[in-house]
């Protein structure tokens, strides 16, 4: 075993005046302080190291070292178990397996063990820092330890290739309601149970994102813009009767919506052009009501709105924009 940290809380008994808590009661009471609760784990949170923790791992031929750090881990099987705060108070060290004929990636990971939760360990609550050797020439291995998360990859060059290097990949925990840090956008996109309005920061992008309820959108693209009329062109004009709305746009929590009714324009020409921050990454297509048929709309990644075609019965006598909506990505 390479390193053992303290897991909190282990016991909240008050000898003198109460109240008294079991370990599980103490953990679940503290769940209110942590971000990441879900319907499946309402007393849990996001496992990771303390936000702002730098790369605390290093490696030389034959030895890895991790300096003190702390965090939170919620990886026991039971959803009612609660998470554990942990800390490593001194350096942890261990052996890096010898280099081989091809480059290899090894893992350093944090693991929770608690005999009281039936996780097949035989120890009181503790957090273990340990090492997993990868396979030569096989890239980044899958972590095999249960109830664990990876904090660093040790990049071991082929024999004669020099010293190992470290890639710091630890996830980050966060307080309830706080901004959650992620190393990459791909890691962020795996979190789909956030509450609308939750913010996150992606280190690789140096950008803040907001969860709209459907997708993670860069905060710079999130806007409650109110309603603005489209600037119609190419003979398109508001329908102007029957109480239909003037062709308009709005953006709320990163989602662009178009609505209203227009007429008399020319197909395959520009109706209006959406500004930067209101555009999809790739062309989106929508079908909306038109006369006794339908119209096919294209929303280009350049922001251009155009009527691309009509179905039988559809024509420019009246064309609705109602139902056109998408996440702003560009």
Protein backbone atom coordinates (compact mmCIF):
# COMPACT_ATOMS: atom_id res chain seq x y z
CA UNK A 1 0.00 0.00 0.00
CA UNK A 2 1.57 3.26 -1.10
CA UNK A 3 -0.32 5.87 0.85
CA UNK A 4 -3.14 6.03 3.37
CA UNK A 5 -5.12 9.19 4.04
CA UNK A 6 -7.65 10.08 6.67
CA UNK A 7 -11.34 9.82 5.74
CA UNK A 8 -13.75 12.18 7.47
CA UNK A 9 -16.12 11.81 9.18
CA UNK A 10 -15.37 8.49 10.86
CA UNK A 11 -17.21 9.18 14.12
CA UNK A 12 -19.21 12.19 15.27
CA UNK A 13 -20.04 11.02 18.80
CA UNK A 14 -20.07 13.78 21.40
CA UNK A 15 -19.09 12.27 24.76
CA UNK A 16 -20.40 15.13 26.81
CA UNK A 17 -23.66 16.61 25.63
CA UNK A 18 -24.78 15.18 22.28
CA UNK A 19 -26.09 15.19 19.72
CA UNK A 20 -24.59 11.90 18.57
CA UNK A 21 -24.10 10.82 14.98
CA UNK A 22 -23.10 7.57 13.39
CA UNK A 23 -20.44 7.80 10.69
CA UNK A 24 -23.08 7.52 7.98
CA UNK A 25 -25.28 10.16 9.58
CA UNK A 26 -22.32 12.51 9.78
CA UNK A 27 -21.42 11.99 6.14
CA UNK A 28 -24.94 12.42 4.84
CA UNK A 29 -25.48 15.54 6.97
CA UNK A 30 -22.44 17.09 5.29
CA UNK A 31 -23.80 16.18 1.85
CA UNK A 32 -25.64 19.50 1.85
CA UNK A 33 -22.29 21.28 1.49
CA UNK A 34 -21.21 19.51 -1.73
CA UNK A 35 -22.11 20.03 -5.38
CA UNK A 36 -23.26 17.19 -7.60
CA UNK A 37 -26.36 15.67 -5.99
CA UNK A 38 -28.52 13.68 -8.42
CA UNK A 39 -31.83 11.86 -8.26
CA UNK A 40 -29.86 8.60 -8.05
CA UNK A 41 -27.46 9.92 -5.37
CA UNK A 42 -29.27 12.72 -3.49
CA UNK A 43 -26.79 12.44 -0.58
CA UNK A 44 -23.69 12.29 -2.75
CA UNK A 45 -21.56 14.66 -4.75
CA UNK A 46 -18.82 15.00 -7.35
CA UNK A 47 -15.67 13.07 -6.42
CA UNK A 48 -12.40 14.90 -6.86
CA UNK A 49 -9.59 16.86 -5.31
CA UNK A 50 -9.93 20.34 -3.87
CA UNK A 51 -10.32 22.97 -6.63
CA UNK A 52 -7.05 24.79 -7.18
CA UNK A 53 -4.95 21.74 -6.31
CA UNK A 54 -1.90 21.86 -8.61
CA UNK A 55 -0.10 18.84 -9.98
CA UNK A 56 1.15 17.26 -6.77
CA UNK A 57 2.54 14.11 -8.43
CA UNK A 58 6.04 13.50 -9.77
CA UNK A 59 8.00 10.50 -11.01
CA UNK A 60 11.57 9.39 -11.57
CA UNK A 61 12.80 6.06 -12.92
CA UNK A 62 11.63 3.62 -10.27
CA UNK A 63 9.71 5.95 -7.94
CA UNK A 64 6.56 8.07 -7.87
CA UNK A 65 5.79 10.73 -5.26
CA UNK A 66 2.61 12.60 -4.35
CA UNK A 67 2.75 15.53 -1.93
CA UNK A 68 -0.11 16.36 0.52
CA UNK A 69 -3.57 17.10 -0.87
CA UNK A 70 -7.24 16.58 -0.01
CA UNK A 71 -10.65 16.17 -1.56
CA UNK A 72 -13.99 14.39 -1.52
CA UNK A 73 -15.01 10.91 -2.71
CA UNK A 74 -18.52 9.52 -3.22
CA UNK A 75 -18.00 6.14 -4.84
CA UNK A 76 -19.43 3.55 -2.45
CA UNK A 77 -22.17 1.45 -4.08
CA UNK A 78 -25.02 2.46 -1.79
CA UNK A 79 -26.66 5.76 -2.75
CA UNK A 80 -27.53 6.39 0.90
CA UNK A 81 -23.95 5.94 2.14
CA UNK A 82 -22.80 9.52 1.61
CA UNK A 83 -19.40 10.80 0.54
CA UNK A 84 -16.11 11.09 2.44
CA UNK A 85 -13.84 14.10 2.85
CA UNK A 86 -10.20 12.98 2.86
CA UNK A 87 -6.67 14.29 3.22
CA UNK A 88 -3.12 12.99 2.80
CA UNK A 89 -1.01 14.77 5.40
CA UNK A 90 2.46 13.71 4.23
CA UNK A 91 4.20 12.58 1.05
CA UNK A 92 3.11 9.26 -0.45
CA UNK A 93 5.61 7.28 -2.50
CA UNK A 94 5.71 4.03 -4.42
CA UNK A 95 7.49 2.06 -7.10
CA UNK A 96 7.17 2.73 -10.82
CA UNK A 97 7.60 -0.51 -12.74
CA UNK A 98 10.67 -0.69 -14.97
CA UNK A 99 10.51 0.63 -18.53
CA UNK A 100 9.81 -1.86 -21.32
CA UNK A 101 10.32 -2.12 -25.07
CA UNK A 102 7.40 0.24 -25.79
CA UNK A 103 6.09 3.32 -24.01
CA UNK A 104 3.53 2.73 -21.28
CA UNK A 105 0.98 4.73 -19.26
CA UNK A 106 0.54 3.91 -15.57
CA UNK A 107 -2.07 5.36 -13.21
CA UNK A 108 -2.09 6.94 -9.76
CA UNK A 109 -5.51 6.78 -8.11
CA UNK A 110 -7.47 7.53 -4.94
CA UNK A 111 -9.69 4.77 -3.50
CA UNK A 112 -12.16 4.70 -0.60
CA UNK A 113 -12.31 1.65 1.69
CA UNK A 114 -14.86 1.22 4.50
CA UNK A 115 -15.64 -2.15 6.06
CA UNK A 116 -18.83 -0.67 7.54
CA UNK A 117 -20.42 -0.29 4.12
CA UNK A 118 -19.95 -3.86 2.92
CA UNK A 119 -17.45 -2.98 0.20
CA UNK A 120 -15.40 -6.15 0.79
CA UNK A 121 -12.58 -4.35 2.58
CA UNK A 122 -11.49 -5.17 6.10
CA UNK A 123 -10.51 -1.71 7.32
CA UNK A 124 -12.22 1.21 9.01
CA UNK A 125 -12.88 4.24 6.78
CA UNK A 126 -9.69 5.22 5.00
CA UNK A 127 -8.64 6.59 1.64
CA UNK A 128 -5.83 4.85 -0.22
CA UNK A 129 -3.48 6.40 -2.79
CA UNK A 130 -2.13 3.68 -5.07
CA UNK A 131 -0.60 2.77 -8.42
CA UNK A 132 -1.72 0.69 -11.41
CA UNK A 133 0.77 -0.44 -14.05
CA UNK A 134 -0.36 -0.13 -17.63
CA UNK A 135 0.43 -2.34 -20.61
CA UNK A 136 3.34 -1.44 -22.88
CA UNK A 137 2.22 0.04 -26.20
CA UNK A 138 -1.46 0.00 -25.20
CA UNK A 139 -2.10 3.67 -24.37
CA UNK A 140 -4.02 4.84 -21.32
CA UNK A 141 -5.39 1.85 -19.36
CA UNK A 142 -8.83 1.57 -17.78
CA UNK A 143 -8.77 1.90 -14.01
CA UNK A 144 -9.51 -1.51 -12.49
CA UNK A 145 -9.82 -0.49 -8.82
CA UNK A 146 -13.37 -0.15 -7.48
CA UNK A 147 -14.57 2.98 -5.65
CA UNK A 148 -11.67 5.00 -7.06
CA UNK A 149 -10.74 7.86 -9.37
CA UNK A 150 -7.50 8.63 -11.22
CA UNK A 151 -5.45 11.68 -10.24
CA UNK A 152 -2.46 11.32 -12.57
CA UNK A 153 -1.04 9.37 -15.49
CA UNK A 154 2.63 8.36 -15.40
CA UNK A 155 4.01 8.39 -18.93
CA UNK A 156 6.81 5.82 -18.95
CA UNK A 157 8.99 5.97 -22.08
CA UNK A 158 10.41 2.87 -23.71
CA UNK A 159 13.67 1.51 -22.34
CA UNK A 160 16.43 4.08 -22.84
CA UNK A 161 13.93 6.88 -23.47
CA UNK A 162 14.59 8.91 -20.33
CA UNK A 163 12.59 9.69 -17.21
CA UNK A 164 8.81 9.31 -16.77
CA UNK A 165 6.57 12.38 -16.98
CA UNK A 166 3.27 13.15 -15.29
CA UNK A 167 -0.09 14.12 -16.79
CA UNK A 168 -2.35 15.53 -14.07
CA UNK A 169 -5.96 14.43 -14.76
CA UNK A 170 -7.62 14.62 -11.33
CA UNK A 171 -11.28 15.68 -11.30
CA UNK A 172 -12.34 18.44 -8.93
CA UNK A 173 -15.02 18.54 -6.24
CA UNK A 174 -16.91 21.72 -5.40
CA UNK A 175 -19.16 23.23 -2.77
CA UNK A 176 -22.92 23.18 -3.34
CA UNK A 177 -23.89 25.96 -5.71
CA UNK A 178 -20.27 26.61 -6.65
CA UNK A 179 -18.54 26.54 -10.01
CA UNK A 180 -17.19 23.05 -10.74
CA UNK A 181 -13.81 22.73 -12.49
CA UNK A 182 -13.21 20.19 -15.27
CA UNK A 183 -9.99 19.45 -17.13
CA UNK A 184 -11.65 19.14 -20.56
CA UNK A 185 -14.99 19.87 -22.23
CA UNK A 186 -15.39 16.12 -22.88
CA UNK A 187 -15.33 15.48 -19.13
CA UNK A 188 -17.84 18.27 -18.55
CA UNK A 189 -20.23 16.88 -21.16
CA UNK A 190 -20.55 13.68 -19.12
CA UNK A 191 -22.28 15.67 -16.35
CA UNK A 192 -25.88 15.83 -17.56
CA UNK A 193 -27.68 15.92 -14.20
CA UNK A 194 -26.75 19.47 -13.19
CA UNK A 195 -29.47 21.94 -12.26
CA UNK A 196 -30.24 24.61 -14.89
CA UNK A 197 -27.98 27.57 -14.31
CA UNK A 198 -25.15 25.50 -12.80
CA UNK A 199 -21.78 26.90 -13.84
CA UNK A 200 -18.61 24.99 -14.65
CA UNK A 201 -15.11 25.97 -15.71
CA UNK A 202 -13.09 24.03 -18.31
CA UNK A 203 -9.37 24.39 -17.71
CA UNK A 204 -8.34 23.33 -21.24
CA UNK A 205 -10.65 26.00 -22.76
CA UNK A 206 -10.06 28.61 -20.05
CA UNK A 207 -13.80 29.14 -20.36
CA UNK A 208 -16.88 29.15 -18.13
CA UNK A 209 -19.94 27.13 -19.17
CA UNK A 210 -23.56 27.12 -18.01
CA UNK A 211 -25.98 24.16 -18.00
CA UNK A 212 -29.18 25.17 -19.82
CA UNK A 213 -31.06 22.01 -18.89
CA UNK A 214 -30.16 20.46 -22.24
CA UNK A 215 -26.49 21.26 -22.90
CA UNK A 216 -23.38 22.99 -21.55
CA UNK A 217 -23.08 26.37 -23.25
CA UNK A 218 -20.26 28.88 -22.94
CA UNK A 219 -21.33 31.56 -20.49
CA UNK A 220 -20.46 34.21 -23.06
CA UNK A 221 -23.25 32.81 -25.26
CA UNK A 222 -25.91 32.66 -22.54
CA UNK A 223 -28.33 35.56 -22.61
CA UNK A 224 -31.88 36.43 -21.70
CA UNK A 225 -32.19 38.84 -24.57
CA UNK A 226 -35.87 39.64 -24.60
CA UNK A 227 -37.79 39.66 -27.87
CA UNK A 228 -36.37 41.40 -30.95
CA UNK A 229 -38.04 41.61 -34.36
CA UNK A 230 -36.16 40.07 -37.29
CA UNK A 231 -34.83 42.40 -39.96
CA UNK A 232 -36.58 40.82 -42.94
CA UNK A 233 -35.14 40.98 -46.48
CA UNK A 234 -35.72 39.65 -50.01
CA UNK A 235 -39.40 40.64 -50.05
CA UNK A 236 -40.21 38.86 -46.78
CA UNK A 237 -42.62 40.92 -44.69
CA UNK A 238 -44.71 40.27 -41.55
CA UNK A 239 -47.94 38.39 -42.30
CA UNK A 240 -49.79 41.31 -40.77
CA UNK A 241 -53.21 39.78 -40.04
CA UNK A 242 -54.96 37.25 -37.84
CA UNK A 243 -53.12 38.34 -34.71
CA UNK A 244 -49.90 36.45 -35.61
CA UNK A 245 -46.68 37.69 -34.04
CA UNK A 246 -44.19 39.73 -36.03
CA UNK A 247 -41.25 37.45 -37.05
CA UNK A 248 -38.94 37.67 -34.03
CA UNK A 249 -36.06 36.07 -32.14
CA UNK A 250 -35.06 35.68 -28.51
CA UNK A 251 -32.35 33.82 -26.57
CA UNK A 252 -32.83 32.39 -23.11
CA UNK A 253 -30.21 30.33 -21.24
CA UNK A 254 -28.30 29.74 -24.46
CA UNK A 255 -31.31 28.59 -26.51
CA UNK A 256 -32.34 30.63 -29.57
CA UNK A 257 -36.03 30.63 -30.49
CA UNK A 258 -37.68 32.05 -33.61
CA UNK A 259 -41.41 32.71 -33.89
CA UNK A 260 -44.01 34.70 -35.81
CA UNK A 261 -45.53 34.60 -39.30
CA UNK A 262 -44.25 36.13 -42.58
CA UNK A 263 -45.19 36.14 -46.26
CA UNK A 264 -44.33 37.09 -49.85
CA UNK A 265 -40.58 36.42 -49.85
CA UNK A 266 -38.33 34.47 -52.20
CA UNK A 267 -37.22 30.96 -51.27
CA UNK A 268 -33.51 30.13 -50.97
CA UNK A 269 -32.69 33.72 -50.14
CA UNK A 270 -31.72 35.25 -46.82
CA UNK A 271 -34.63 36.03 -44.49
CA UNK A 272 -32.32 37.53 -41.84
CA UNK A 273 -28.85 36.83 -40.42
CA UNK A 274 -28.44 35.94 -36.74
CA UNK A 275 -25.59 37.71 -34.92
CA UNK A 276 -22.51 36.00 -33.54
CA UNK A 277 -23.43 34.17 -30.35
CA UNK A 278 -26.82 33.18 -31.80
CA UNK A 279 -25.66 30.60 -34.35
CA UNK A 280 -25.44 26.78 -34.49
CA UNK A 281 -22.08 25.10 -35.13
CA UNK A 282 -23.52 23.35 -38.20
CA UNK A 283 -26.57 23.91 -40.38
CA UNK A 284 -29.84 23.03 -38.64
CA UNK A 285 -33.06 22.22 -40.53
CA UNK A 286 -36.65 22.67 -39.36
CA UNK A 287 -40.14 22.12 -40.82
CA UNK A 288 -42.86 24.64 -39.95
CA UNK A 289 -46.47 25.27 -41.09
CA UNK A 290 -46.94 27.09 -44.41
CA UNK A 291 -50.37 27.70 -45.98
CA UNK A 292 -51.89 24.17 -46.34
CA UNK A 293 -48.50 22.45 -46.27
CA UNK A 294 -45.14 23.18 -44.71
CA UNK A 295 -41.92 25.10 -45.22
CA UNK A 296 -38.40 23.73 -44.74
CA UNK A 297 -36.06 26.15 -42.99
CA UNK A 298 -32.26 26.05 -42.93
CA UNK A 299 -30.39 27.89 -40.17
CA UNK A 300 -26.78 28.07 -41.40
CA UNK A 301 -23.70 28.22 -39.20
CA UNK A 302 -23.11 31.68 -40.67
CA UNK A 303 -26.38 32.78 -39.02
CA UNK A 304 -28.34 32.94 -42.28
CA UNK A 305 -32.04 32.06 -42.00
CA UNK A 306 -33.55 30.81 -45.23
CA UNK A 307 -36.63 29.00 -46.53
CA UNK A 308 -35.07 26.07 -48.39
CA UNK A 309 -38.20 24.40 -49.81
CA UNK A 310 -41.93 23.78 -49.46
CA UNK A 311 -43.91 20.58 -49.13
CA UNK A 312 -47.13 20.11 -51.13
CA UNK A 313 -49.51 22.90 -50.24
CA UNK A 314 -46.80 25.10 -48.80
CA UNK A 315 -45.92 28.46 -50.34
CA UNK A 316 -45.02 32.00 -49.43
CA UNK A 317 -48.63 33.01 -48.83
CA UNK A 318 -47.84 32.48 -45.17
CA UNK A 319 -44.82 30.91 -43.53
CA UNK A 320 -44.51 30.31 -39.77
CA UNK A 321 -41.26 30.44 -37.80
CA UNK A 322 -42.88 28.88 -34.74
CA UNK A 323 -41.04 25.80 -33.47
CA UNK A 324 -37.57 26.80 -34.67
CA UNK A 325 -35.24 26.53 -31.69
CA UNK A 326 -31.65 25.40 -31.03
CA UNK A 327 -28.70 25.83 -28.68
CA UNK A 328 -26.45 28.78 -29.58
CA UNK A 329 -22.94 27.40 -30.12
CA UNK A 330 -21.18 30.00 -32.30
